[in-house]
């Protein structure tokens, strides 16, 4: 299908987008299959606590993970024991600062580990940077929407709680890191600021400003840290960088991180209204719980606790049941037969761990369990990809290794790929022509864009995905590809408008993955299929 640019869209063609005609094709096997699965899900939601039925369509609110706070705490403790060590020795002096950024966790936190080993006291700090709550570069959308701000607040509250369990706390201050951290370094005579290194321009600019500001801080060192009393030095900024090749093991942390520095007011994340945002309540769909505790709870739930069903098994068995019923009652298949098939299948189902069938279910769109849903915690750094990798390997040792376990790791590699892409191509991932510098005319028709943004195109598959994004801050991977293709291929809209709107809304926003995927989908990134197009009727029929 030829791509329509802004300059070729007239009012009549706009009406086709907004008011499409109803499909008239005959029922296919795919639609029979879909009905069967929907009937199964309806029944399964009654009989199993692991239902993956659509929450959005029924108005039900589903928490992710589906554990209460007591269960999550119970899951967290053995994981902390597994990835902690009592044997780590402290050999440093003085105070070190840990600047938390997109690594809001205790487990497998290399910056936290290095700060603890190289000091007598660790000061953990998070800066609520006002620049994160300004507007996007090209189109002026909010850089951080209300749902992600609430999620971030939960992540910080949980990080504070987990640090306190291990003898520390989290200092939360509002302001720019390059102003706050040098002040704290001087006040506490900190010799080093440890942080996770980022790869995109805005984050790198802050790192450079901070390094420059720290060089202007003069510290009088304690006698035991200097060969001559009263000598002066400047604190340094040390950044931990991800490995480029093989997967390193999890960095084990000490069981105790004490003692904390003497601080009266550790602070907290401000109400989002103070950040210029309006609170948004999630009333249906998926509601993600922020923080490392919830992230570990989700790993446990998806890998070890929850059960799923083999949908291929359902489909094949349903065809056999239908054939049997048809020969018996000598009539065409109808809804009753499909429903009876679902009843029989429900009773005969073989439960399977969600991880075991991930590759077969990952392109789904309904409910919390068709995919891992790790991405919001990966983006905030509440969950380490190496913890996921280690748990996959443990699952393979204790249960089984298959295509699904491999595919979870493959998706983590795909995430790394976009990170390295941002390092290689720099700001070009934000430019109209992308890394390939494609010259192409794009439209910026506000009316068309708003119909897409608000889920009012008239295409149910597009509208449902966009409404889910606005209501929950999440959209399936398949959904993201489809709505991207629709915006840039069918509407001819500048892909950066879509990318920046996703930046506003997504709980799992990170610049590398978001802009990497949008350049990929718009045909200006590193996609070997330059004209990748998703047919909306076909996608709706299939998924």
Protein backbone atom coordinates (compact mmCIF):
# COMPACT_ATOMS: atom_id res chain seq x y z
CA UNK A 1 0.00 0.00 0.00
CA UNK A 2 1.39 3.39 -0.94
CA UNK A 3 2.15 5.66 1.97
CA UNK A 4 -0.10 8.73 2.18
CA UNK A 5 1.63 11.97 3.04
CA UNK A 6 -0.01 14.99 4.64
CA UNK A 7 0.03 16.80 1.34
CA UNK A 8 -2.11 14.20 -0.46
CA UNK A 9 -4.81 13.68 2.18
CA UNK A 10 -8.09 15.45 1.42
CA UNK A 11 -11.23 15.68 3.54
CA UNK A 12 -12.91 12.66 1.89
CA UNK A 13 -9.91 10.44 2.56
CA UNK A 14 -9.83 11.69 6.15
CA UNK A 15 -13.39 10.44 6.57
CA UNK A 16 -12.20 7.01 5.48
CA UNK A 17 -9.78 7.01 8.41
CA UNK A 18 -12.35 8.23 10.88
CA UNK A 19 -15.39 6.26 9.65
CA UNK A 20 -14.23 3.02 8.06
CA UNK A 21 -16.69 0.61 6.56
CA UNK A 22 -17.41 -2.59 8.44
CA UNK A 23 -15.58 -5.73 7.31
CA UNK A 24 -17.71 -8.11 5.28
CA UNK A 25 -15.40 -11.11 4.92
CA UNK A 26 -16.59 -14.55 5.97
CA UNK A 27 -15.63 -16.10 9.26
CA UNK A 28 -12.18 -17.62 9.02
CA UNK A 29 -10.43 -20.24 11.09
CA UNK A 30 -8.66 -17.39 12.86
CA UNK A 31 -11.97 -15.90 13.96
CA UNK A 32 -13.25 -19.28 15.13
CA UNK A 33 -10.02 -19.67 17.05
CA UNK A 34 -10.40 -16.22 18.56
CA UNK A 35 -13.95 -17.00 19.72
CA UNK A 36 -12.81 -20.26 21.21
CA UNK A 37 -9.98 -18.62 23.14
CA UNK A 38 -12.25 -15.79 24.32
CA UNK A 39 -14.78 -18.34 25.60
CA UNK A 40 -11.99 -20.24 27.27
CA UNK A 41 -10.68 -17.07 28.91
CA UNK A 42 -14.14 -16.19 30.19
CA UNK A 43 -14.47 -19.56 31.87
CA UNK A 44 -10.87 -19.66 32.99
CA UNK A 45 -11.26 -16.34 34.81
CA UNK A 46 -13.86 -18.03 37.01
CA UNK A 47 -11.96 -21.21 37.72
CA UNK A 48 -8.33 -20.07 37.72
CA UNK A 49 -6.65 -17.18 39.47
CA UNK A 50 -4.23 -16.94 36.56
CA UNK A 51 -6.74 -15.64 34.03
CA UNK A 52 -5.30 -13.68 31.13
CA UNK A 53 -8.65 -12.40 29.90
CA UNK A 54 -9.01 -8.84 28.73
CA UNK A 55 -9.31 -6.47 31.65
CA UNK A 56 -9.92 -3.44 29.50
CA UNK A 57 -13.04 -4.82 27.86
CA UNK A 58 -14.63 -5.84 31.16
CA UNK A 59 -13.63 -2.74 33.13
CA UNK A 60 -11.64 -4.85 35.60
CA UNK A 61 -8.48 -3.42 37.15
CA UNK A 62 -5.63 -5.95 37.21
CA UNK A 63 -2.56 -5.29 39.30
CA UNK A 64 0.82 -6.32 37.90
CA UNK A 65 2.24 -8.29 39.62
CA UNK A 66 -0.88 -10.00 40.92
CA UNK A 67 0.58 -10.40 44.42
CA UNK A 68 -0.30 -8.52 47.58
CA UNK A 69 2.39 -6.66 49.55
CA UNK A 70 2.92 -9.52 52.00
CA UNK A 71 3.45 -12.02 49.17
CA UNK A 72 5.88 -9.67 47.39
CA UNK A 73 7.93 -9.19 50.56
CA UNK A 74 7.99 -12.96 51.08
CA UNK A 75 9.29 -13.47 47.53
CA UNK A 76 11.91 -10.71 47.86
CA UNK A 77 13.81 -12.07 50.86
CA UNK A 78 15.15 -15.33 49.31
CA UNK A 79 16.09 -13.42 46.14
CA UNK A 80 18.08 -10.94 48.22
CA UNK A 81 19.77 -13.84 50.02
CA UNK A 82 20.64 -15.47 46.69
CA UNK A 83 22.24 -12.34 45.25
CA UNK A 84 23.91 -10.98 48.41
CA UNK A 85 27.08 -11.97 50.20
CA UNK A 86 28.41 -11.72 53.76
CA UNK A 87 31.97 -12.24 52.51
CA UNK A 88 32.42 -8.81 50.86
CA UNK A 89 35.04 -6.74 52.67
CA UNK A 90 35.11 -2.99 52.95
CA UNK A 91 38.54 -1.44 52.29
CA UNK A 92 37.84 2.26 51.70
CA UNK A 93 37.80 5.41 53.81
CA UNK A 94 35.62 8.48 54.05
CA UNK A 95 32.29 9.04 52.29
CA UNK A 96 31.13 8.08 48.80
CA UNK A 97 27.96 9.28 47.10
CA UNK A 98 25.74 7.06 44.94
CA UNK A 99 23.78 9.11 42.43
CA UNK A 100 20.72 7.02 41.54
CA UNK A 101 19.44 7.64 38.00
CA UNK A 102 17.74 4.90 35.97
CA UNK A 103 19.01 2.19 38.34
CA UNK A 104 16.48 2.38 41.16
CA UNK A 105 17.35 -0.90 42.84
CA UNK A 106 19.60 -2.47 45.45
CA UNK A 107 20.25 -5.85 43.82
CA UNK A 108 22.97 -6.02 41.14
CA UNK A 109 23.72 -2.31 41.48
CA UNK A 110 27.37 -1.90 40.55
CA UNK A 111 27.51 1.79 41.48
CA UNK A 112 26.16 1.01 44.97
CA UNK A 113 28.57 -1.91 45.38
CA UNK A 114 31.63 0.12 44.37
CA UNK A 115 30.64 3.04 46.57
CA UNK A 116 30.25 0.75 49.59
CA UNK A 117 33.55 -1.07 49.06
CA UNK A 118 35.53 2.17 48.57
CA UNK A 119 34.20 4.03 51.62
CA UNK A 120 33.24 3.94 55.27
CA UNK A 121 29.91 5.66 54.68
CA UNK A 122 27.64 5.70 51.61
CA UNK A 123 25.26 8.55 50.82
CA UNK A 124 22.56 7.45 48.31
CA UNK A 125 20.99 10.41 46.46
CA UNK A 126 18.21 10.88 43.94
CA UNK A 127 17.68 14.25 42.26
CA UNK A 128 14.20 15.16 41.03
CA UNK A 129 15.49 16.99 37.97
CA UNK A 130 13.01 19.70 36.83
CA UNK A 131 14.12 19.19 33.20
CA UNK A 132 12.44 15.77 33.24
CA UNK A 133 9.09 17.53 33.70
CA UNK A 134 9.44 20.11 30.95
CA UNK A 135 8.32 19.55 27.33
CA UNK A 136 9.58 17.43 24.46
CA UNK A 137 12.00 18.94 21.94
CA UNK A 138 9.96 19.20 18.73
CA UNK A 139 6.26 19.16 19.58
CA UNK A 140 6.04 20.35 23.16
CA UNK A 141 4.36 17.35 24.81
CA UNK A 142 5.05 16.76 28.52
CA UNK A 143 8.34 14.87 28.84
CA UNK A 144 6.91 12.84 31.72
CA UNK A 145 3.21 12.08 32.02
CA UNK A 146 1.28 11.67 35.26
CA UNK A 147 1.25 7.87 35.19
CA UNK A 148 5.02 7.56 34.82
CA UNK A 149 5.55 10.19 37.52
CA UNK A 150 3.37 8.15 39.91
CA UNK A 151 5.25 4.99 38.95
CA UNK A 152 8.57 6.75 39.59
CA UNK A 153 7.33 7.89 43.00
CA UNK A 154 6.50 4.27 43.89
CA UNK A 155 9.93 3.13 42.67
CA UNK A 156 11.68 5.66 44.92
CA UNK A 157 9.52 4.82 47.94
CA UNK A 158 10.37 1.14 47.49
CA UNK A 159 14.08 1.87 46.99
CA UNK A 160 14.10 3.89 50.20
CA UNK A 161 12.41 1.00 52.03
CA UNK A 162 14.87 -1.62 50.74
CA UNK A 163 17.88 0.55 51.56
CA UNK A 164 16.57 1.11 55.09
CA UNK A 165 16.21 -2.65 55.57
CA UNK A 166 19.96 -2.85 54.95
CA UNK A 167 21.02 0.05 57.13
CA UNK A 168 20.90 2.97 54.66
CA UNK A 169 18.36 5.46 53.39
CA UNK A 170 17.74 7.50 50.25
CA UNK A 171 18.21 11.27 50.17
CA UNK A 172 15.71 12.82 47.74
CA UNK A 173 16.29 16.41 46.66
CA UNK A 174 14.57 18.56 44.04
CA UNK A 175 16.93 20.27 41.62
CA UNK A 176 19.62 19.73 39.01
CA UNK A 177 22.21 17.03 39.81
CA UNK A 178 25.10 19.29 38.73
CA UNK A 179 24.04 21.72 41.47
CA UNK A 180 22.90 19.36 44.25
CA UNK A 181 25.67 16.76 44.14
CA UNK A 182 28.68 19.13 44.34
CA UNK A 183 27.01 20.82 47.34
CA UNK A 184 26.53 17.44 49.05
CA UNK A 185 30.07 16.36 48.16
CA UNK A 186 31.44 19.42 49.94
CA UNK A 187 29.07 19.14 52.91
CA UNK A 188 29.92 15.46 53.55
CA UNK A 189 33.53 15.58 52.27
CA UNK A 190 32.72 12.85 49.76
CA UNK A 191 35.70 11.68 47.71
CA UNK A 192 33.71 10.08 44.84
CA UNK A 193 30.30 10.22 43.21
CA UNK A 194 29.31 6.86 41.70
CA UNK A 195 26.63 6.60 39.03
CA UNK A 196 25.42 4.51 36.11
CA UNK A 197 26.55 5.92 32.78
CA UNK A 198 23.90 6.79 30.20
CA UNK A 199 24.23 7.05 26.41
CA UNK A 200 21.92 9.78 25.08
CA UNK A 201 22.71 13.46 24.70
CA UNK A 202 20.59 15.00 27.47
CA UNK A 203 21.94 12.57 30.05
CA UNK A 204 25.52 12.93 28.79
CA UNK A 205 25.24 16.72 29.04
CA UNK A 206 24.30 16.42 32.71
CA UNK A 207 27.28 14.10 33.29
CA UNK A 208 29.66 16.64 31.74
CA UNK A 209 28.19 19.51 33.77
CA UNK A 210 28.47 17.46 36.96
CA UNK A 211 32.09 16.46 36.29
CA UNK A 212 32.99 20.10 35.68
CA UNK A 213 31.19 21.23 38.86
CA UNK A 214 32.85 18.54 41.00
CA UNK A 215 36.30 19.71 39.88
CA UNK A 216 35.55 23.09 41.45
CA UNK A 217 34.79 21.48 44.84
CA UNK A 218 37.84 21.55 47.12
CA UNK A 219 37.82 19.10 50.00
CA UNK A 220 40.06 19.09 53.06
CA UNK A 221 40.89 15.44 53.53
CA UNK A 222 40.98 13.70 56.88
CA UNK A 223 44.52 12.78 58.13
CA UNK A 224 44.04 9.02 57.65
CA UNK A 225 43.24 9.56 53.97
CA UNK A 226 46.21 11.77 53.14
CA UNK A 227 49.97 11.60 53.35
CA UNK A 228 50.03 15.22 54.54
CA UNK A 229 47.52 16.78 56.92
CA UNK A 230 45.35 19.49 55.47
CA UNK A 231 45.89 18.56 51.82
CA UNK A 232 43.05 19.28 49.40
CA UNK A 233 41.42 17.36 46.57
CA UNK A 234 38.31 17.36 44.36
CA UNK A 235 35.72 14.56 44.31
CA UNK A 236 35.56 12.58 41.09
CA UNK A 237 32.70 11.13 39.06
CA UNK A 238 33.00 7.41 38.30
CA UNK A 239 30.53 5.82 35.89
CA UNK A 240 29.77 2.12 35.55
CA UNK A 241 29.39 0.96 31.93
CA UNK A 242 27.60 -2.20 30.76
CA UNK A 243 29.78 -4.92 29.26
CA UNK A 244 29.78 -5.15 25.48
CA UNK A 245 30.15 -8.90 25.02
CA UNK A 246 29.38 -11.85 27.29
CA UNK A 247 26.86 -11.57 30.10
CA UNK A 248 28.56 -10.81 33.38
CA UNK A 249 27.38 -12.42 36.57
CA UNK A 250 25.14 -10.59 39.01
CA UNK A 251 27.08 -8.15 41.21
CA UNK A 252 26.36 -9.40 44.71
CA UNK A 253 25.79 -6.76 47.36
CA UNK A 254 26.75 -6.83 51.05
CA UNK A 255 24.02 -8.04 53.40
CA UNK A 256 24.41 -4.79 55.38
CA UNK A 257 25.09 -1.38 53.83
CA UNK A 258 25.31 0.49 57.15
CA UNK A 259 26.17 2.93 58.57
CA UNK A 260 24.13 5.75 57.05
CA UNK A 261 25.32 9.37 57.18
CA UNK A 262 23.82 11.63 59.82
CA UNK A 263 20.90 13.38 58.07
CA UNK A 264 17.75 14.67 59.74
CA UNK A 265 15.49 15.10 56.70
CA UNK A 266 15.96 12.50 53.96
CA UNK A 267 13.15 13.95 51.86
CA UNK A 268 10.59 12.30 49.60
CA UNK A 269 9.25 12.54 46.06
CA UNK A 270 6.97 15.58 45.79
CA UNK A 271 3.26 15.35 44.94
CA UNK A 272 3.04 15.32 41.16
CA UNK A 273 0.91 18.47 41.23
CA UNK A 274 4.06 20.30 42.32
CA UNK A 275 5.68 19.06 39.11
CA UNK A 276 2.95 20.60 36.96
CA UNK A 277 1.00 17.36 36.46
CA UNK A 278 -2.54 16.31 37.28
CA UNK A 279 -3.03 13.04 39.13
CA UNK A 280 -4.52 10.31 36.96
CA UNK A 281 -6.28 7.30 38.44
CA UNK A 282 -6.19 3.98 36.61
CA UNK A 283 -9.70 2.54 36.71
CA UNK A 284 -9.40 -0.39 34.30
CA UNK A 285 -6.76 -2.41 32.52
CA UNK A 286 -3.34 -3.13 33.98
CA UNK A 287 -1.93 -1.19 36.91
CA UNK A 288 1.79 -1.70 37.40
CA UNK A 289 3.24 -1.42 40.91
CA UNK A 290 6.49 0.53 40.96
CA UNK A 291 9.68 -0.58 42.68
CA UNK A 292 12.19 -3.39 42.99
CA UNK A 293 9.96 -5.43 45.31
CA UNK A 294 7.18 -5.55 42.72
CA UNK A 295 9.68 -6.24 39.93
CA UNK A 296 11.09 -9.28 41.72
CA UNK A 297 7.53 -10.34 42.50
CA UNK A 298 6.70 -10.26 38.80
CA UNK A 299 9.77 -12.34 37.91
CA UNK A 300 8.73 -14.93 40.49
CA UNK A 301 5.12 -14.84 39.32
CA UNK A 302 5.93 -15.20 35.62
CA UNK A 303 8.77 -17.74 35.91
CA UNK A 304 7.77 -19.87 38.86
CA UNK A 305 4.25 -19.33 40.15
CA UNK A 306 1.67 -18.66 37.47
CA UNK A 307 0.41 -21.24 35.02
CA UNK A 308 -0.75 -20.77 31.47
CA UNK A 309 -2.20 -22.87 28.71
CA UNK A 310 -0.77 -24.02 25.43
CA UNK A 311 -2.90 -22.10 22.92
CA UNK A 312 -1.67 -24.23 20.03
CA UNK A 313 -2.94 -27.26 21.92
CA UNK A 314 -6.32 -25.53 22.38
CA UNK A 315 -6.61 -24.67 18.70
CA UNK A 316 -5.72 -28.14 17.41
CA UNK A 317 -7.90 -29.91 19.94
CA UNK A 318 -10.80 -27.56 19.23
CA UNK A 319 -10.66 -28.46 15.53
CA UNK A 320 -10.86 -32.14 16.40
CA UNK A 321 -13.74 -31.53 18.81
CA UNK A 322 -15.59 -29.47 16.23
CA UNK A 323 -15.20 -32.19 13.60
CA UNK A 324 -16.48 -34.77 16.06
CA UNK A 325 -19.48 -32.67 17.08
CA UNK A 326 -20.36 -31.80 13.49
CA UNK A 327 -20.42 -35.44 12.48
CA UNK A 328 -22.62 -36.20 15.48
CA UNK A 329 -25.24 -33.47 15.21
CA UNK A 330 -24.90 -33.09 11.42
CA UNK A 331 -24.98 -29.32 11.44
CA UNK A 332 -22.59 -26.45 10.79
CA UNK A 333 -20.43 -25.20 13.66
CA UNK A 334 -22.09 -22.48 15.71
CA UNK A 335 -21.46 -20.52 18.88
CA UNK A 336 -22.86 -23.27 21.08
CA UNK A 337 -20.45 -25.84 19.68
CA UNK A 338 -17.53 -23.45 20.14
CA UNK A 339 -18.60 -22.78 23.69
CA UNK A 340 -18.95 -26.51 24.44
CA UNK A 341 -15.49 -27.01 22.97
CA UNK A 342 -14.15 -24.43 25.38
CA UNK A 343 -15.84 -26.20 28.30
CA UNK A 344 -14.26 -29.52 27.39
CA UNK A 345 -10.88 -27.92 26.84
CA UNK A 346 -10.98 -26.06 30.13
CA UNK A 347 -11.49 -29.31 32.00
CA UNK A 348 -8.76 -31.07 30.06
CA UNK A 349 -6.13 -28.33 30.12
CA UNK A 350 -2.54 -29.04 31.05
CA UNK A 351 -1.20 -26.08 33.00
CA UNK A 352 2.20 -24.72 32.05
CA UNK A 353 4.43 -22.01 33.45
CA UNK A 354 4.06 -18.71 31.64
CA UNK A 355 7.78 -18.67 30.81
CA UNK A 356 7.51 -22.08 29.14
CA UNK A 357 5.17 -20.75 26.43
CA UNK A 358 6.42 -17.15 26.18
CA UNK A 359 7.49 -17.41 22.54
CA UNK A 360 4.03 -18.63 21.52
CA UNK A 361 2.07 -16.00 23.48
CA UNK A 362 4.35 -12.92 23.32
CA UNK A 363 2.45 -11.30 20.43
CA UNK A 364 -0.79 -11.20 22.39
CA UNK A 365 -2.60 -8.03 23.42
CA UNK A 366 -5.06 -9.02 26.14
CA UNK A 367 -4.35 -9.23 29.85
CA UNK A 368 -1.16 -9.28 31.91
CA UNK A 369 0.21 -12.73 31.13
CA UNK A 370 0.83 -13.02 27.39
CA UNK A 371 4.30 -11.49 27.93
CA UNK A 372 6.72 -10.89 30.79
CA UNK A 373 5.71 -7.22 31.40
CA UNK A 374 9.21 -6.57 32.78
CA UNK A 375 9.74 -3.43 30.69
CA UNK A 376 8.49 -0.73 33.16
CA UNK A 377 10.89 -1.98 35.82
CA UNK A 378 13.76 -2.40 33.36
CA UNK A 379 13.29 1.20 32.20
CA UNK A 380 13.37 2.61 35.73
CA UNK A 381 16.23 0.30 36.67
CA UNK A 382 14.16 -1.32 39.41
CA UNK A 383 14.97 -4.65 37.78
CA UNK A 384 18.39 -5.69 36.50
CA UNK A 385 18.53 -7.52 33.15
CA UNK A 386 21.26 -9.69 34.64
CA UNK A 387 18.89 -10.81 37.40
CA UNK A 388 16.42 -11.84 34.70
CA UNK A 389 19.17 -13.69 32.83
CA UNK A 390 20.27 -15.47 36.01
CA UNK A 391 16.71 -16.49 36.83
CA UNK A 392 16.18 -17.78 33.27
CA UNK A 393 19.28 -19.94 33.64
CA UNK A 394 18.07 -21.19 37.02
CA UNK A 395 14.71 -22.05 35.44
CA UNK A 396 16.47 -23.93 32.62
CA UNK A 397 18.48 -25.94 35.15
CA UNK A 398 15.54 -26.77 37.41
CA UNK A 399 12.74 -27.15 34.84
CA UNK A 400 13.57 -26.94 31.16
CA UNK A 401 15.29 -24.94 28.44
CA UNK A 402 13.31 -24.30 25.27
CA UNK A 403 12.67 -21.68 22.59
CA UNK A 404 10.74 -19.55 25.06
CA UNK A 405 13.54 -19.31 27.62
CA UNK A 406 15.93 -18.43 24.80
CA UNK A 407 13.53 -15.79 23.49
CA UNK A 408 13.32 -13.94 26.81
CA UNK A 409 17.12 -13.57 26.70
CA UNK A 410 16.92 -12.59 23.03
CA UNK A 411 14.55 -9.73 23.91
CA UNK A 412 17.07 -8.49 26.48
CA UNK A 413 19.74 -8.54 23.77
CA UNK A 414 17.38 -6.55 21.52
CA UNK A 415 17.13 -3.97 24.32
CA UNK A 416 20.93 -3.81 24.50
CA UNK A 417 21.08 -3.42 20.74
CA UNK A 418 19.12 -0.16 20.87
CA UNK A 419 21.37 1.08 23.66
CA UNK A 420 24.49 0.45 21.58
CA UNK A 421 22.73 1.97 18.57
CA UNK A 422 22.31 5.21 20.51
CA UNK A 423 26.01 5.17 21.34
CA UNK A 424 26.97 4.69 17.70
CA UNK A 425 24.57 7.12 16.01
CA UNK A 426 24.15 9.74 18.73
CA UNK A 427 21.48 12.39 18.16
CA UNK A 428 20.58 11.08 14.71
CA UNK A 429 18.08 8.71 16.35
CA UNK A 430 16.05 11.85 17.22
CA UNK A 431 16.34 13.47 13.79
CA UNK A 432 13.68 13.31 11.10
CA UNK A 433 15.85 11.28 8.70
CA UNK A 434 17.05 8.93 11.44
CA UNK A 435 20.40 7.12 11.43
CA UNK A 436 20.04 6.46 7.68
CA UNK A 437 19.44 10.18 6.95
CA UNK A 438 16.38 9.37 4.84
CA UNK A 439 14.96 12.35 2.96
CA UNK A 440 11.19 12.12 2.96
CA UNK A 441 8.25 14.51 3.23
CA UNK A 442 6.15 13.98 6.35
CA UNK A 443 2.90 15.62 7.38
CA UNK A 444 2.03 17.25 10.69
CA UNK A 445 -1.75 17.37 10.30
CA UNK A 446 -2.91 18.11 13.85
CA UNK A 447 -6.43 16.78 13.26
CA UNK A 448 -5.16 13.44 12.01
CA UNK A 449 -2.60 13.17 14.79
CA UNK A 450 -5.15 13.92 17.49
CA UNK A 451 -7.52 11.25 16.11
CA UNK A 452 -4.63 8.78 16.46
CA UNK A 453 -3.54 10.08 19.86
CA UNK A 454 -7.05 10.01 21.34
CA UNK A 455 -8.05 6.64 19.85
CA UNK A 456 -10.69 8.14 17.54
CA UNK A 457 -9.55 6.92 14.12
CA UNK A 458 -12.53 4.59 13.73
CA UNK A 459 -10.25 1.56 13.43
CA UNK A 460 -10.99 -0.53 16.54
CA UNK A 461 -7.53 -2.13 16.75
CA UNK A 462 -5.76 1.24 16.58
CA UNK A 463 -8.20 2.95 18.92
CA UNK A 464 -8.10 0.19 21.54
CA UNK A 465 -4.31 0.27 21.70
CA UNK A 466 -4.13 4.06 21.95
CA UNK A 467 -6.79 4.17 24.65
CA UNK A 468 -4.94 1.49 26.60
CA UNK A 469 -1.77 3.61 26.40
CA UNK A 470 -3.54 6.71 27.72
CA UNK A 471 -5.39 4.80 30.45
CA UNK A 472 -2.56 2.59 31.76
CA UNK A 473 0.79 3.80 30.38
CA UNK A 474 1.33 0.47 28.66
CA UNK A 475 0.84 -1.04 25.21
CA UNK A 476 1.84 -4.46 23.88
CA UNK A 477 4.86 -4.78 21.62
CA UNK A 478 2.66 -5.89 18.74
CA UNK A 479 0.33 -2.96 19.38
CA UNK A 480 3.21 -0.48 19.29
CA UNK A 481 4.33 -1.74 15.90
CA UNK A 482 0.80 -1.57 14.51
CA UNK A 483 -0.01 1.97 15.72
CA UNK A 484 3.41 3.18 14.56
CA UNK A 485 2.85 1.75 11.10
CA UNK A 486 -0.63 3.29 10.94
CA UNK A 487 0.59 6.76 11.93
CA UNK A 488 3.55 6.92 9.55
CA UNK A 489 2.49 4.65 6.66
CA UNK A 490 -1.26 5.25 6.46
CA UNK A 491 -1.55 8.78 7.83
CA UNK A 492 1.84 10.01 6.61
CA UNK A 493 2.49 11.81 9.92
CA UNK A 494 5.98 12.77 11.13
CA UNK A 495 7.12 9.78 13.15
CA UNK A 496 8.65 12.04 15.81
CA UNK A 497 5.15 13.14 16.86
CA UNK A 498 4.36 9.53 17.71
CA UNK A 499 7.71 8.97 19.41
CA UNK A 500 7.32 12.06 21.58
CA UNK A 501 3.75 11.12 22.52
CA UNK A 502 5.03 7.71 23.59
CA UNK A 503 7.73 9.51 25.60
CA UNK A 504 4.95 11.28 27.49
CA UNK A 505 2.78 8.24 28.15
CA UNK A 506 4.86 5.10 28.49
CA UNK A 507 5.71 3.72 31.92
CA UNK A 508 8.61 1.90 30.27
CA UNK A 509 9.97 4.89 28.36
CA UNK A 510 13.68 5.03 27.77
CA UNK A 511 15.13 7.08 24.91
CA UNK A 512 17.17 4.26 23.35
CA UNK A 513 14.35 1.73 22.98
CA UNK A 514 11.62 4.25 22.23
CA UNK A 515 13.39 6.20 19.49
CA UNK A 516 15.19 3.10 18.23
CA UNK A 517 11.88 1.35 17.69
CA UNK A 518 10.23 4.40 16.11
CA UNK A 519 13.07 4.93 13.61
CA UNK A 520 12.84 1.21 12.88
CA UNK A 521 9.08 1.36 12.31
CA UNK A 522 9.26 4.57 10.26
CA UNK A 523 11.84 3.12 7.87
CA UNK A 524 14.60 5.57 8.83
CA UNK A 525 16.45 3.22 11.19
CA UNK A 526 18.43 0.03 10.80
CA UNK A 527 15.67 -2.16 9.42
CA UNK A 528 16.66 -4.42 6.51
CA UNK A 529 13.02 -4.17 5.35
CA UNK A 530 12.87 -0.49 4.51
CA UNK A 531 9.13 -0.45 3.70
CA UNK A 532 7.84 -2.46 6.64
CA UNK A 533 4.06 -2.13 6.65
CA UNK A 534 1.38 -3.59 8.90
CA UNK A 535 -1.99 -4.21 7.27
CA UNK A 536 -4.54 -3.20 9.89
CA UNK A 537 -7.29 -5.66 8.74
CA UNK A 538 -4.77 -8.52 8.68
CA UNK A 539 -3.36 -7.61 12.11
CA UNK A 540 -6.87 -7.33 13.55
CA UNK A 541 -7.80 -10.72 12.12
CA UNK A 542 -4.63 -12.41 13.36
CA UNK A 543 -4.17 -10.84 16.78
